[in-house]
Amino acid sequence: MTILICCVLAFLVGGIPFGFLVGRFVLKDDIRNHGSGNIGATNVARVIGWNWGGFVLLLDAIKGLLPTWLALRYAADNQLENMILHLPVAAGISAIVGHMYPVYLKLRGGKGVATALGVVLVLAPKAVAIALAAFLLTVAVTRIVAVASIVAALTFGGVQLYLMRDTMLDSKSLSLTVFAIAIPLLIIWRHRSNIRKLVSGEAPPPPDSPASDVPASDSDNAVG
């Protein structure tokens, strides 16, 4: 019951559509009608500006970090030794899925990258540092945030599994092992339209390109 309540609350918090709300506040319109049609920080930056995009990125990360951290504190304060890792992992996964499929927007959410960043800052900070370095390097080389997000997700999963190589199948850490495999795969799945476009040679314009403000035909073309 504790895990269920924690997951439901984290899902609802993770589903708060900050990109949509900022778009309403600044544009007086649905952000999904502009740019790539996505509610994520990248599309907000593309349409409104990097200051607002950074603000949404921060808020999306916090809505992943906060439920995860609170679940960790709850498990520790109540001496739930068997759930000390499982409870925050469950909360983190729920927050990420909540961002991807928010009930407030009929399950049309973002890619989950920023929210996942907030979660892993609590669960696996060592792997985060390497994944962020991979993200920044890929952005510098390709200027395509979607590619950098996929590379960062794969890097995080690989590094975290390596760090856990001696304990990944232990009962106390198995949930984090599942997280390190499942969440990168889920993020890649959410980027499937980007992958199709890249494979077909239809690379998206960089966020600061004038062509990037052309409305998209669907809501699955940006990172969030």
N, C-alpha and C. Protein backbone atom coordinates (compact mmCIF):
# COMPACT_ATOMS: atom_id res chain seq x y z
N MET A 1 0.82 -1.20 0.00
CA MET A 1 0.00 0.00 0.00
C MET A 1 0.86 1.26 0.00
N THR A 2 1.97 1.22 0.75
CA THR A 2 2.88 2.38 0.77
C THR A 2 3.44 2.66 -0.61
N ILE A 3 3.86 1.59 -1.28
CA ILE A 3 4.42 1.75 -2.62
C ILE A 3 3.35 2.28 -3.58
N LEU A 4 2.13 1.76 -3.48
CA LEU A 4 1.05 2.18 -4.36
C LEU A 4 0.75 3.67 -4.19
N ILE A 5 0.60 4.11 -2.95
CA ILE A 5 0.31 5.53 -2.69
C ILE A 5 1.45 6.40 -3.19
N CYS A 6 2.68 5.96 -2.93
CA CYS A 6 3.86 6.71 -3.36
C CYS A 6 3.89 6.85 -4.88
N CYS A 7 3.58 5.76 -5.58
CA CYS A 7 3.61 5.77 -7.04
C CYS A 7 2.52 6.67 -7.61
N VAL A 8 1.33 6.62 -7.04
CA VAL A 8 0.24 7.45 -7.54
C VAL A 8 0.56 8.93 -7.36
N LEU A 9 1.05 9.29 -6.20
CA LEU A 9 1.40 10.70 -5.94
C LEU A 9 2.53 11.16 -6.87
N ALA A 10 3.54 10.30 -7.04
CA ALA A 10 4.67 10.66 -7.92
C ALA A 10 4.20 10.79 -9.36
N PHE A 11 3.30 9.92 -9.78
CA PHE A 11 2.76 9.98 -11.14
C PHE A 11 2.02 11.30 -11.37
N LEU A 12 1.23 11.72 -10.39
CA LEU A 12 0.48 12.96 -10.53
C LEU A 12 1.39 14.18 -10.52
N VAL A 13 2.42 14.14 -9.68
CA VAL A 13 3.39 15.25 -9.66
C VAL A 13 4.18 15.27 -10.97
N GLY A 14 4.64 14.10 -11.40
CA GLY A 14 5.40 14.03 -12.64
C GLY A 14 4.61 14.47 -13.84
N GLY A 15 3.31 14.35 -13.78
CA GLY A 15 2.47 14.73 -14.90
C GLY A 15 2.15 16.21 -15.01
N ILE A 16 2.57 17.01 -14.03
CA ILE A 16 2.31 18.45 -14.11
C ILE A 16 2.98 19.01 -15.37
N PRO A 17 2.23 19.52 -16.34
CA PRO A 17 2.80 19.92 -17.64
C PRO A 17 3.36 21.34 -17.63
N PHE A 18 4.53 21.51 -17.05
CA PHE A 18 5.08 22.85 -16.91
C PHE A 18 5.30 23.53 -18.27
N GLY A 19 5.74 22.76 -19.27
CA GLY A 19 5.93 23.35 -20.59
C GLY A 19 4.62 23.88 -21.16
N PHE A 20 3.56 23.13 -20.98
CA PHE A 20 2.24 23.57 -21.43
C PHE A 20 1.80 24.82 -20.68
N LEU A 21 2.00 24.83 -19.36
CA LEU A 21 1.57 25.97 -18.54
C LEU A 21 2.36 27.23 -18.89
N VAL A 22 3.69 27.07 -19.09
CA VAL A 22 4.51 28.23 -19.47
C VAL A 22 4.08 28.74 -20.84
N GLY A 23 3.77 27.81 -21.75
CA GLY A 23 3.30 28.23 -23.07
C GLY A 23 2.01 29.03 -22.97
N ARG A 24 1.11 28.59 -22.13
CA ARG A 24 -0.14 29.33 -21.94
C ARG A 24 0.12 30.72 -21.36
N PHE A 25 1.07 30.79 -20.43
CA PHE A 25 1.36 32.06 -19.76
C PHE A 25 2.04 33.04 -20.71
N VAL A 26 2.99 32.57 -21.49
CA VAL A 26 3.78 33.47 -22.34
C VAL A 26 3.12 33.69 -23.69
N LEU A 27 2.72 32.60 -24.34
CA LEU A 27 2.17 32.70 -25.69
C LEU A 27 0.67 32.98 -25.71
N LYS A 28 0.03 32.73 -24.58
CA LYS A 28 -1.44 32.75 -24.54
C LYS A 28 -2.01 31.73 -25.54
N ASP A 29 -1.28 30.64 -25.71
CA ASP A 29 -1.67 29.63 -26.67
C ASP A 29 -1.10 28.28 -26.22
N ASP A 30 -1.53 27.23 -26.86
CA ASP A 30 -1.03 25.89 -26.58
C ASP A 30 0.33 25.72 -27.24
N ILE A 31 1.36 25.43 -26.45
CA ILE A 31 2.72 25.27 -26.98
C ILE A 31 2.76 24.16 -28.02
N ARG A 32 1.81 23.23 -27.95
CA ARG A 32 1.79 22.13 -28.91
C ARG A 32 1.38 22.56 -30.31
N ASN A 33 0.93 23.80 -30.44
CA ASN A 33 0.60 24.35 -31.76
C ASN A 33 1.81 24.99 -32.42
N HIS A 34 2.97 24.92 -31.77
CA HIS A 34 4.15 25.60 -32.27
C HIS A 34 5.36 24.66 -32.26
N GLY A 35 6.34 25.02 -33.08
CA GLY A 35 7.58 24.26 -33.11
C GLY A 35 7.34 22.81 -33.45
N SER A 36 7.82 21.92 -32.58
CA SER A 36 7.69 20.48 -32.82
C SER A 36 6.38 19.92 -32.29
N GLY A 37 5.61 20.73 -31.58
CA GLY A 37 4.35 20.26 -31.03
C GLY A 37 4.49 19.53 -29.72
N ASN A 38 5.65 19.63 -29.07
CA ASN A 38 5.92 18.91 -27.83
C ASN A 38 5.87 19.88 -26.65
N ILE A 39 5.60 19.37 -25.44
CA ILE A 39 5.52 20.23 -24.26
C ILE A 39 6.85 20.32 -23.52
N GLY A 40 7.88 19.67 -24.04
CA GLY A 40 9.16 19.61 -23.33
C GLY A 40 9.97 20.89 -23.38
N ALA A 41 11.04 20.90 -22.61
CA ALA A 41 11.87 22.09 -22.48
C ALA A 41 12.51 22.51 -23.79
N THR A 42 12.89 21.54 -24.63
CA THR A 42 13.53 21.88 -25.90
C THR A 42 12.59 22.66 -26.80
N ASN A 43 11.34 22.23 -26.88
CA ASN A 43 10.40 22.93 -27.73
C ASN A 43 10.04 24.30 -27.15
N VAL A 44 9.97 24.40 -25.84
CA VAL A 44 9.73 25.70 -25.21
C VAL A 44 10.88 26.65 -25.55
N ALA A 45 12.11 26.14 -25.46
CA ALA A 45 13.27 26.96 -25.81
C ALA A 45 13.23 27.37 -27.27
N ARG A 46 12.84 26.44 -28.12
CA ARG A 46 12.78 26.70 -29.56
C ARG A 46 11.75 27.79 -29.89
N VAL A 47 10.62 27.76 -29.23
CA VAL A 47 9.51 28.64 -29.58
C VAL A 47 9.56 29.96 -28.81
N ILE A 48 9.85 29.89 -27.50
CA ILE A 48 9.76 31.08 -26.65
C ILE A 48 11.12 31.68 -26.34
N GLY A 49 12.13 30.83 -26.22
CA GLY A 49 13.46 31.32 -25.87
C GLY A 49 14.12 30.41 -24.85
N TRP A 50 15.45 30.46 -24.81
CA TRP A 50 16.19 29.56 -23.93
C TRP A 50 15.99 29.86 -22.46
N ASN A 51 15.65 31.12 -22.13
CA ASN A 51 15.40 31.41 -20.72
C ASN A 51 14.17 30.66 -20.22
N TRP A 52 13.10 30.66 -21.01
CA TRP A 52 11.91 29.92 -20.62
C TRP A 52 12.14 28.41 -20.74
N GLY A 53 12.89 28.01 -21.75
CA GLY A 53 13.21 26.59 -21.88
C GLY A 53 14.00 26.08 -20.70
N GLY A 54 14.97 26.88 -20.24
CA GLY A 54 15.73 26.50 -19.06
C GLY A 54 14.88 26.44 -17.81
N PHE A 55 13.92 27.34 -17.72
CA PHE A 55 13.00 27.35 -16.58
C PHE A 55 12.15 26.08 -16.56
N VAL A 56 11.64 25.69 -17.71
CA VAL A 56 10.85 24.46 -17.81
C VAL A 56 11.73 23.24 -17.52
N LEU A 57 12.95 23.25 -18.02
CA LEU A 57 13.87 22.16 -17.74
C LEU A 57 14.08 21.99 -16.24
N LEU A 58 14.27 23.11 -15.54
CA LEU A 58 14.46 23.07 -14.10
C LEU A 58 13.22 22.52 -13.40
N LEU A 59 12.05 23.01 -13.77
CA LEU A 59 10.81 22.55 -13.14
C LEU A 59 10.55 21.07 -13.42
N ASP A 60 10.81 20.64 -14.66
CA ASP A 60 10.60 19.23 -15.00
C ASP A 60 11.57 18.33 -14.23
N ALA A 61 12.79 18.82 -14.02
CA ALA A 61 13.75 18.04 -13.24
C ALA A 61 13.33 17.96 -11.77
N ILE A 62 12.84 19.06 -11.24
CA ILE A 62 12.41 19.09 -9.84
C ILE A 62 11.25 18.14 -9.60
N LYS A 63 10.32 18.05 -10.56
CA LYS A 63 9.18 17.17 -10.35
C LYS A 63 9.56 15.70 -10.42
N GLY A 64 10.76 15.41 -10.89
CA GLY A 64 11.30 14.07 -10.80
C GLY A 64 12.11 13.88 -9.53
N LEU A 65 12.88 14.90 -9.20
CA LEU A 65 13.75 14.83 -8.02
C LEU A 65 12.96 14.79 -6.72
N LEU A 66 11.96 15.65 -6.60
CA LEU A 66 11.26 15.80 -5.32
C LEU A 66 10.54 14.53 -4.87
N PRO A 67 9.71 13.90 -5.70
CA PRO A 67 9.04 12.67 -5.23
C PRO A 67 10.04 11.57 -4.90
N THR A 68 11.12 11.48 -5.69
CA THR A 68 12.13 10.45 -5.45
C THR A 68 12.83 10.69 -4.12
N TRP A 69 13.21 11.92 -3.87
CA TRP A 69 13.91 12.26 -2.62
C TRP A 69 13.00 12.06 -1.42
N LEU A 70 11.73 12.48 -1.55
CA LEU A 70 10.80 12.31 -0.43
C LEU A 70 10.55 10.83 -0.14
N ALA A 71 10.46 10.01 -1.17
CA ALA A 71 10.30 8.57 -0.97
C ALA A 71 11.52 7.98 -0.28
N LEU A 72 12.69 8.45 -0.65
CA LEU A 72 13.93 7.98 -0.01
C LEU A 72 13.95 8.36 1.46
N ARG A 73 13.58 9.61 1.75
CA ARG A 73 13.56 10.07 3.13
C ARG A 73 12.51 9.31 3.95
N TYR A 74 11.36 9.06 3.34
CA TYR A 74 10.31 8.33 4.05
C TYR A 74 10.78 6.93 4.42
N ALA A 75 11.39 6.25 3.47
CA ALA A 75 11.88 4.90 3.73
C ALA A 75 12.97 4.90 4.80
N ALA A 76 13.85 5.90 4.76
CA ALA A 76 14.93 5.97 5.74
C ALA A 76 14.41 6.35 7.13
N ASP A 77 13.53 7.34 7.18
CA ASP A 77 13.01 7.80 8.48
C ASP A 77 12.15 6.75 9.17
N ASN A 78 11.50 5.90 8.38
CA ASN A 78 10.65 4.87 8.95
C ASN A 78 11.36 3.51 9.03
N GLN A 79 12.68 3.55 8.76
CA GLN A 79 13.52 2.36 8.87
C GLN A 79 12.97 1.19 8.06
N LEU A 80 12.55 1.51 6.85
CA LEU A 80 12.06 0.46 5.94
C LEU A 80 13.25 -0.08 5.16
N GLU A 81 14.04 -0.90 5.82
CA GLU A 81 15.30 -1.36 5.25
C GLU A 81 15.11 -2.08 3.92
N ASN A 82 14.05 -2.86 3.79
CA ASN A 82 13.83 -3.62 2.56
C ASN A 82 13.34 -2.74 1.41
N MET A 83 12.95 -1.49 1.74
CA MET A 83 12.41 -0.59 0.71
C MET A 83 13.25 0.66 0.55
N ILE A 84 14.42 0.69 1.17
CA ILE A 84 15.24 1.90 1.19
C ILE A 84 15.62 2.36 -0.22
N LEU A 85 15.70 1.42 -1.15
CA LEU A 85 15.98 1.75 -2.54
C LEU A 85 14.76 1.53 -3.43
N HIS A 86 14.00 0.49 -3.13
CA HIS A 86 12.86 0.16 -3.98
C HIS A 86 11.80 1.26 -4.00
N LEU A 87 11.54 1.89 -2.86
CA LEU A 87 10.50 2.92 -2.80
C LEU A 87 10.87 4.15 -3.63
N PRO A 88 12.07 4.72 -3.49
CA PRO A 88 12.41 5.86 -4.35
C PRO A 88 12.50 5.49 -5.83
N VAL A 89 12.94 4.27 -6.14
CA VAL A 89 12.97 3.84 -7.53
C VAL A 89 11.56 3.80 -8.10
N ALA A 90 10.62 3.24 -7.34
CA ALA A 90 9.23 3.19 -7.78
C ALA A 90 8.67 4.58 -7.98
N ALA A 91 8.98 5.49 -7.05
CA ALA A 91 8.51 6.87 -7.17
C ALA A 91 9.12 7.54 -8.39
N GLY A 92 10.41 7.31 -8.61
CA GLY A 92 11.08 7.92 -9.75
C GLY A 92 10.52 7.45 -11.08
N ILE A 93 10.30 6.16 -11.20
CA ILE A 93 9.72 5.62 -12.43
C ILE A 93 8.33 6.20 -12.65
N SER A 94 7.55 6.30 -11.59
CA SER A 94 6.19 6.84 -11.70
C SER A 94 6.20 8.29 -12.14
N ALA A 95 7.14 9.08 -11.62
CA ALA A 95 7.23 10.49 -12.02
C ALA A 95 7.59 10.62 -13.49
N ILE A 96 8.53 9.80 -13.96
CA ILE A 96 8.95 9.84 -15.37
C ILE A 96 7.78 9.45 -16.28
N VAL A 97 7.11 8.36 -15.94
CA VAL A 97 5.96 7.92 -16.74
C VAL A 97 4.84 8.96 -16.68
N GLY A 98 4.68 9.60 -15.52
CA GLY A 98 3.68 10.66 -15.41
C GLY A 98 3.96 11.82 -16.34
N HIS A 99 5.24 12.16 -16.52
CA HIS A 99 5.60 13.23 -17.46
C HIS A 99 5.34 12.81 -18.90
N MET A 100 5.64 11.55 -19.20
CA MET A 100 5.44 11.06 -20.56
C MET A 100 3.97 10.93 -20.92
N TYR A 101 3.16 10.54 -19.92
CA TYR A 101 1.74 10.29 -20.16
C TYR A 101 0.91 11.01 -19.09
N PRO A 102 0.88 12.34 -19.13
CA PRO A 102 0.15 13.10 -18.10
C PRO A 102 -1.36 12.99 -18.23
N VAL A 103 -2.00 12.71 -17.13
CA VAL A 103 -3.47 12.60 -17.16
C VAL A 103 -4.10 13.96 -17.44
N TYR A 104 -3.38 15.03 -17.17
CA TYR A 104 -3.92 16.38 -17.35
C TYR A 104 -4.02 16.76 -18.84
N LEU A 105 -3.26 16.08 -19.69
CA LEU A 105 -3.23 16.41 -21.11
C LEU A 105 -3.59 15.19 -21.97
N LYS A 106 -4.45 14.35 -21.44
CA LYS A 106 -4.92 13.16 -22.17
C LYS A 106 -3.74 12.29 -22.60
N LEU A 107 -2.77 12.15 -21.72
CA LEU A 107 -1.62 11.26 -21.90
C LEU A 107 -0.66 11.72 -22.99
N ARG A 108 -0.74 12.97 -23.42
CA ARG A 108 0.17 13.51 -24.44
C ARG A 108 1.25 14.35 -23.76
N GLY A 109 2.34 13.70 -23.38
CA GLY A 109 3.39 14.38 -22.64
C GLY A 109 4.69 14.48 -23.41
N GLY A 110 5.78 14.67 -22.65
CA GLY A 110 7.09 14.84 -23.24
C GLY A 110 7.88 13.54 -23.29
N LYS A 111 9.16 13.68 -23.54
CA LYS A 111 10.03 12.52 -23.70
C LYS A 111 10.55 11.98 -22.37
N GLY A 112 10.51 12.78 -21.32
CA GLY A 112 10.90 12.31 -20.00
C GLY A 112 12.35 12.53 -19.62
N VAL A 113 13.12 13.18 -20.48
CA VAL A 113 14.56 13.32 -20.21
C VAL A 113 14.83 14.21 -19.00
N ALA A 114 14.21 15.37 -18.95
CA ALA A 114 14.46 16.29 -17.84
C ALA A 114 13.97 15.72 -16.52
N THR A 115 12.80 15.09 -16.54
CA THR A 115 12.27 14.48 -15.32
C THR A 115 13.16 13.33 -14.87
N ALA A 116 13.64 12.54 -15.82
CA ALA A 116 14.56 11.45 -15.49
C ALA A 116 15.85 11.98 -14.89
N LEU A 117 16.30 13.14 -15.36
CA LEU A 117 17.50 13.76 -14.79
C LEU A 117 17.31 14.03 -13.31
N GLY A 118 16.17 14.59 -12.94
CA GLY A 118 15.90 14.85 -11.53
C GLY A 118 15.88 13.58 -10.71
N VAL A 119 15.31 12.52 -11.28
CA VAL A 119 15.24 11.24 -10.57
C VAL A 119 16.62 10.66 -10.33
N VAL A 120 17.43 10.62 -11.37
CA VAL A 120 18.74 9.96 -11.24
C VAL A 120 19.73 10.79 -10.43
N LEU A 121 19.48 12.08 -10.29
CA LEU A 121 20.32 12.87 -9.40
C LEU A 121 20.22 12.36 -7.97
N VAL A 122 19.08 11.79 -7.63
CA VAL A 122 18.87 11.20 -6.30
C VAL A 122 19.36 9.76 -6.27
N LEU A 123 19.02 8.99 -7.29
CA LEU A 123 19.28 7.55 -7.27
C LEU A 123 20.71 7.17 -7.64
N ALA A 124 21.29 7.88 -8.60
CA ALA A 124 22.59 7.46 -9.13
C ALA A 124 23.41 8.65 -9.61
N PRO A 125 23.85 9.51 -8.69
CA PRO A 125 24.54 10.74 -9.10
C PRO A 125 25.86 10.51 -9.83
N LYS A 126 26.57 9.43 -9.52
CA LYS A 126 27.85 9.19 -10.20
C LYS A 126 27.66 8.95 -11.69
N ALA A 127 26.67 8.14 -12.03
CA ALA A 127 26.40 7.87 -13.45
C ALA A 127 25.88 9.10 -14.16
N VAL A 128 25.19 9.97 -13.43
CA VAL A 128 24.64 11.19 -14.03
C VAL A 128 25.74 12.08 -14.58
N ALA A 129 26.82 12.23 -13.83
CA ALA A 129 27.91 13.11 -14.25
C ALA A 129 28.47 12.67 -15.60
N ILE A 130 28.66 11.38 -15.78
CA ILE A 130 29.19 10.87 -17.04
C ILE A 130 28.16 11.01 -18.16
N ALA A 131 26.90 10.75 -17.84
CA ALA A 131 25.84 10.88 -18.84
C ALA A 131 25.69 12.33 -19.30
N LEU A 132 25.82 13.28 -18.38
CA LEU A 132 25.74 14.70 -18.74
C LEU A 132 26.90 15.10 -19.65
N ALA A 133 28.07 14.57 -19.35
CA ALA A 133 29.23 14.85 -20.21
C ALA A 133 28.99 14.31 -21.61
N ALA A 134 28.42 13.12 -21.70
CA ALA A 134 28.11 12.54 -23.01
C ALA A 134 27.07 13.38 -23.74
N PHE A 135 26.07 13.88 -22.99
CA PHE A 135 25.03 14.72 -23.58
C PHE A 135 25.64 16.00 -24.17
N LEU A 136 26.44 16.68 -23.38
CA LEU A 136 27.03 17.95 -23.83
C LEU A 136 27.96 17.75 -25.02
N LEU A 137 28.73 16.68 -24.99
CA LEU A 137 29.64 16.40 -26.10
C LEU A 137 28.86 16.11 -27.38
N THR A 138 27.79 15.35 -27.25
CA THR A 138 26.98 15.01 -28.43
C THR A 138 26.27 16.23 -28.98
N VAL A 139 25.76 17.09 -28.11
CA VAL A 139 25.13 18.33 -28.57
C VAL A 139 26.14 19.20 -29.30
N ALA A 140 27.36 19.29 -28.77
CA ALA A 140 28.39 20.11 -29.40
C ALA A 140 28.74 19.60 -30.79
N VAL A 141 28.71 18.29 -30.96
CA VAL A 141 29.09 17.69 -32.24
C VAL A 141 27.93 17.70 -33.23
N THR A 142 26.74 17.29 -32.78
CA THR A 142 25.61 17.12 -33.70
C THR A 142 24.64 18.28 -33.72
N ARG A 143 24.56 19.02 -32.62
CA ARG A 143 23.57 20.09 -32.44
C ARG A 143 22.15 19.57 -32.52
N ILE A 144 21.96 18.30 -32.22
CA ILE A 144 20.64 17.69 -32.22
C ILE A 144 20.37 17.16 -30.82
N VAL A 145 19.45 17.79 -30.11
CA VAL A 145 19.19 17.44 -28.72
C VAL A 145 18.65 16.03 -28.59
N ALA A 146 17.85 15.60 -29.55
CA ALA A 146 17.28 14.25 -29.48
C ALA A 146 18.38 13.20 -29.50
N VAL A 147 19.36 13.37 -30.37
CA VAL A 147 20.48 12.42 -30.43
C VAL A 147 21.26 12.44 -29.13
N ALA A 148 21.51 13.64 -28.61
CA ALA A 148 22.25 13.76 -27.35
C ALA A 148 21.49 13.11 -26.20
N SER A 149 20.17 13.23 -26.20
CA SER A 149 19.36 12.63 -25.14
C SER A 149 19.44 11.10 -25.19
N ILE A 150 19.39 10.55 -26.40
CA ILE A 150 19.49 9.11 -26.56
C ILE A 150 20.86 8.61 -26.12
N VAL A 151 21.90 9.33 -26.53
CA VAL A 151 23.26 8.95 -26.12
C VAL A 151 23.41 9.03 -24.61
N ALA A 152 22.89 10.08 -24.01
CA ALA A 152 22.98 10.24 -22.56
C ALA A 152 22.24 9.13 -21.83
N ALA A 153 21.06 8.76 -22.33
CA ALA A 153 20.28 7.70 -21.70
C ALA A 153 21.03 6.37 -21.75
N LEU A 154 21.59 6.05 -22.91
CA LEU A 154 22.36 4.82 -23.04
C LEU A 154 23.61 4.84 -22.18
N THR A 155 24.26 6.01 -22.12
CA THR A 155 25.46 6.15 -21.30
C THR A 155 25.13 5.94 -19.83
N PHE A 156 24.05 6.56 -19.38
CA PHE A 156 23.65 6.39 -17.99
C PHE A 156 23.40 4.92 -17.67
N GLY A 157 22.62 4.25 -18.51
CA GLY A 157 22.32 2.86 -18.26
C GLY A 157 23.56 1.99 -18.21
N GLY A 158 24.45 2.18 -19.18
CA GLY A 158 25.68 1.39 -19.22
C GLY A 158 26.59 1.64 -18.03
N VAL A 159 26.76 2.91 -17.69
CA VAL A 159 27.64 3.26 -16.57
C VAL A 159 27.07 2.75 -15.26
N GLN A 160 25.76 2.93 -15.06
CA GLN A 160 25.15 2.49 -13.80
C GLN A 160 25.22 0.98 -13.64
N LEU A 161 24.99 0.25 -14.71
CA LEU A 161 25.11 -1.21 -14.64
C LEU A 161 26.55 -1.63 -14.35
N TYR A 162 27.48 -0.91 -14.91
CA TYR A 162 28.89 -1.22 -14.63
C TYR A 162 29.22 -0.96 -13.16
N LEU A 163 28.74 0.15 -12.63
CA LEU A 163 29.00 0.48 -11.23
C LEU A 163 28.36 -0.53 -10.29
N MET A 164 27.27 -1.15 -10.74
CA MET A 164 26.55 -2.11 -9.91
C MET A 164 26.90 -3.56 -10.26
N ARG A 165 27.95 -3.76 -11.01
CA ARG A 165 28.22 -5.08 -11.59
C ARG A 165 28.28 -6.20 -10.56
N ASP A 166 28.68 -5.89 -9.32
CA ASP A 166 28.79 -6.93 -8.30
C ASP A 166 27.52 -7.10 -7.47
N THR A 167 26.60 -6.14 -7.60
CA THR A 167 25.39 -6.18 -6.75
C THR A 167 24.10 -6.05 -7.53
N MET A 168 24.17 -6.02 -8.86
CA MET A 168 22.97 -5.70 -9.65
C MET A 168 21.83 -6.70 -9.47
N LEU A 169 22.15 -7.93 -9.08
CA LEU A 169 21.11 -8.93 -8.90
C LEU A 169 20.76 -9.17 -7.43
N ASP A 170 21.36 -8.39 -6.55
CA ASP A 170 21.01 -8.50 -5.13
C ASP A 170 19.59 -8.01 -4.91
N SER A 171 18.91 -8.59 -3.95
CA SER A 171 17.51 -8.24 -3.72
C SER A 171 17.33 -6.77 -3.36
N LYS A 172 18.29 -6.18 -2.65
CA LYS A 172 18.15 -4.79 -2.21
C LYS A 172 18.40 -3.79 -3.34
N SER A 173 19.09 -4.19 -4.39
CA SER A 173 19.43 -3.25 -5.46
C SER A 173 18.84 -3.64 -6.81
N LEU A 174 18.05 -4.71 -6.84
CA LEU A 174 17.51 -5.19 -8.11
C LEU A 174 16.62 -4.15 -8.78
N SER A 175 15.88 -3.38 -7.98
CA SER A 175 14.99 -2.38 -8.57
C SER A 175 15.78 -1.32 -9.33
N LEU A 176 16.95 -0.94 -8.81
CA LEU A 176 17.78 0.05 -9.51
C LEU A 176 18.36 -0.53 -10.79
N THR A 177 18.65 -1.83 -10.78
CA THR A 177 19.11 -2.50 -11.99
C THR A 177 18.02 -2.44 -13.07
N VAL A 178 16.80 -2.74 -12.67
CA VAL A 178 15.67 -2.67 -13.60
C VAL A 178 15.51 -1.25 -14.12
N PHE A 179 15.63 -0.28 -13.24
CA PHE A 179 15.53 1.14 -13.62
C PHE A 179 16.58 1.48 -14.67
N ALA A 180 17.83 1.07 -14.43
CA ALA A 180 18.95 1.41 -15.32
C ALA A 180 18.78 0.82 -16.71
N ILE A 181 17.99 -0.23 -16.81
CA ILE A 181 17.72 -0.85 -18.11
C ILE A 181 16.45 -0.29 -18.73
N ALA A 182 15.39 -0.22 -17.94
CA ALA A 182 14.07 0.11 -18.46
C ALA A 182 13.93 1.57 -18.87
N ILE A 183 14.41 2.49 -18.04
CA ILE A 183 14.20 3.91 -18.32
C ILE A 183 14.94 4.37 -19.57
N PRO A 184 16.21 4.01 -19.78
CA PRO A 184 16.84 4.38 -21.06
C PRO A 184 16.10 3.82 -22.27
N LEU A 185 15.62 2.58 -22.16
CA LEU A 185 14.86 2.00 -23.27
C LEU A 185 13.55 2.75 -23.50
N LEU A 186 12.90 3.15 -22.41
CA LEU A 186 11.65 3.90 -22.53
C LEU A 186 11.89 5.26 -23.16
N ILE A 187 12.98 5.91 -22.77
CA ILE A 187 13.32 7.22 -23.37
C ILE A 187 13.61 7.07 -24.86
N ILE A 188 14.32 6.02 -25.22
CA ILE A 188 14.59 5.77 -26.64
C ILE A 188 13.29 5.52 -27.39
N TRP A 189 12.38 4.76 -26.79
CA TRP A 189 11.08 4.51 -27.40
C TRP A 189 10.32 5.81 -27.63
N ARG A 190 10.38 6.71 -26.68
CA ARG A 190 9.69 7.99 -26.83
C ARG A 190 10.33 8.86 -27.91
N HIS A 191 11.57 8.55 -28.29
CA HIS A 191 12.26 9.28 -29.35
C HIS A 191 12.17 8.56 -30.70
N ARG A 192 11.26 7.60 -30.82
CA ARG A 192 11.23 6.76 -32.02
C ARG A 192 10.98 7.58 -33.29
N SER A 193 10.16 8.64 -33.21
CA SER A 193 9.92 9.45 -34.40
C SER A 193 11.19 10.19 -34.80
N ASN A 194 11.96 10.66 -33.80
CA ASN A 194 13.23 11.31 -34.10
C ASN A 194 14.18 10.34 -34.79
N ILE A 195 14.20 9.11 -34.30
CA ILE A 195 15.09 8.10 -34.88
C ILE A 195 14.69 7.82 -36.32
N ARG A 196 13.39 7.72 -36.58
CA ARG A 196 12.93 7.48 -37.95
C ARG A 196 13.36 8.61 -38.87
N LYS A 197 13.24 9.84 -38.39
CA LYS A 197 13.62 10.99 -39.21
C LYS A 197 15.12 11.01 -39.49
N LEU A 198 15.91 10.68 -38.46
CA LEU A 198 17.36 10.66 -38.64
C LEU A 198 17.78 9.56 -39.62
N VAL A 199 17.14 8.39 -39.50
CA VAL A 199 17.46 7.28 -40.40
C VAL A 199 17.10 7.63 -41.85
N SER A 200 16.00 8.37 -42.01
CA SER A 200 15.57 8.75 -43.36
C SER A 200 16.30 9.97 -43.89
N GLY A 201 17.18 10.54 -43.05
CA GLY A 201 17.95 11.70 -43.48
C GLY A 201 17.27 13.02 -43.24
N GLU A 202 16.14 13.00 -42.56
CA GLU A 202 15.38 14.22 -42.29
C GLU A 202 15.72 14.72 -40.89
N ALA A 203 16.94 15.22 -40.73
CA ALA A 203 17.39 15.68 -39.42
C ALA A 203 16.66 16.95 -39.03
N PRO A 204 16.24 17.06 -37.76
CA PRO A 204 15.54 18.26 -37.31
C PRO A 204 16.50 19.44 -37.24
N PRO A 205 15.99 20.67 -37.46
CA PRO A 205 16.85 21.83 -37.34
C PRO A 205 17.25 22.06 -35.90
N PRO A 206 18.42 22.67 -35.66
CA PRO A 206 18.80 22.97 -34.28
C PRO A 206 17.84 23.96 -33.66
N PRO A 207 17.75 23.99 -32.31
CA PRO A 207 16.77 24.83 -31.64
C PRO A 207 16.88 26.31 -31.94
N ASP A 208 18.06 26.79 -32.34
CA ASP A 208 18.21 28.23 -32.60
C ASP A 208 18.07 28.54 -34.09
N SER A 209 17.63 27.56 -34.88
CA SER A 209 17.47 27.78 -36.31
C SER A 209 16.11 28.39 -36.61
N PRO A 210 16.03 29.36 -37.55
CA PRO A 210 14.73 29.94 -37.90
C PRO A 210 13.75 28.90 -38.40
N ALA A 211 14.26 27.84 -39.05
CA ALA A 211 13.37 26.82 -39.59
C ALA A 211 12.73 25.97 -38.51
N SER A 212 13.25 26.07 -37.30
CA SER A 212 12.76 25.19 -36.25
C SER A 212 11.42 25.63 -35.68
N ASP A 213 10.92 26.78 -36.09
CA ASP A 213 9.62 27.24 -35.58
C ASP A 213 8.47 26.84 -36.50
N VAL A 214 8.75 26.00 -37.47
CA VAL A 214 7.68 25.53 -38.34
C VAL A 214 6.87 24.49 -37.59
N PRO A 215 5.54 24.62 -37.51
CA PRO A 215 4.73 23.66 -36.77
C PRO A 215 4.92 22.25 -37.29
N ALA A 216 4.92 21.31 -36.36
CA ALA A 216 5.08 19.90 -36.71
C ALA A 216 3.72 19.26 -36.94
N SER A 217 3.75 18.09 -37.60
CA SER A 217 2.50 17.40 -37.87
C SER A 217 2.07 16.51 -36.73
N ASP A 218 2.94 16.27 -35.74
CA ASP A 218 2.58 15.47 -34.59
C ASP A 218 3.30 15.99 -33.37
N SER A 219 3.06 15.36 -32.22
CA SER A 219 3.61 15.85 -30.97
C SER A 219 4.79 15.03 -30.51
N ASP A 220 5.45 14.33 -31.43
CA ASP A 220 6.45 13.37 -31.02
C ASP A 220 7.82 13.68 -31.62
N ASN A 221 8.13 14.96 -31.83
CA ASN A 221 9.32 15.29 -32.57
C ASN A 221 10.38 16.05 -31.78
N ALA A 222 10.18 16.26 -30.50
CA ALA A 222 11.15 17.02 -29.73
C ALA A 222 11.47 16.28 -28.45
N VAL A 223 12.31 16.90 -27.67
CA VAL A 223 12.74 16.31 -26.41
C VAL A 223 12.09 17.03 -25.26
N GLY A 224 11.72 16.32 -24.20
CA GLY A 224 11.14 16.98 -23.05
C GLY A 224 11.20 16.12 -21.84
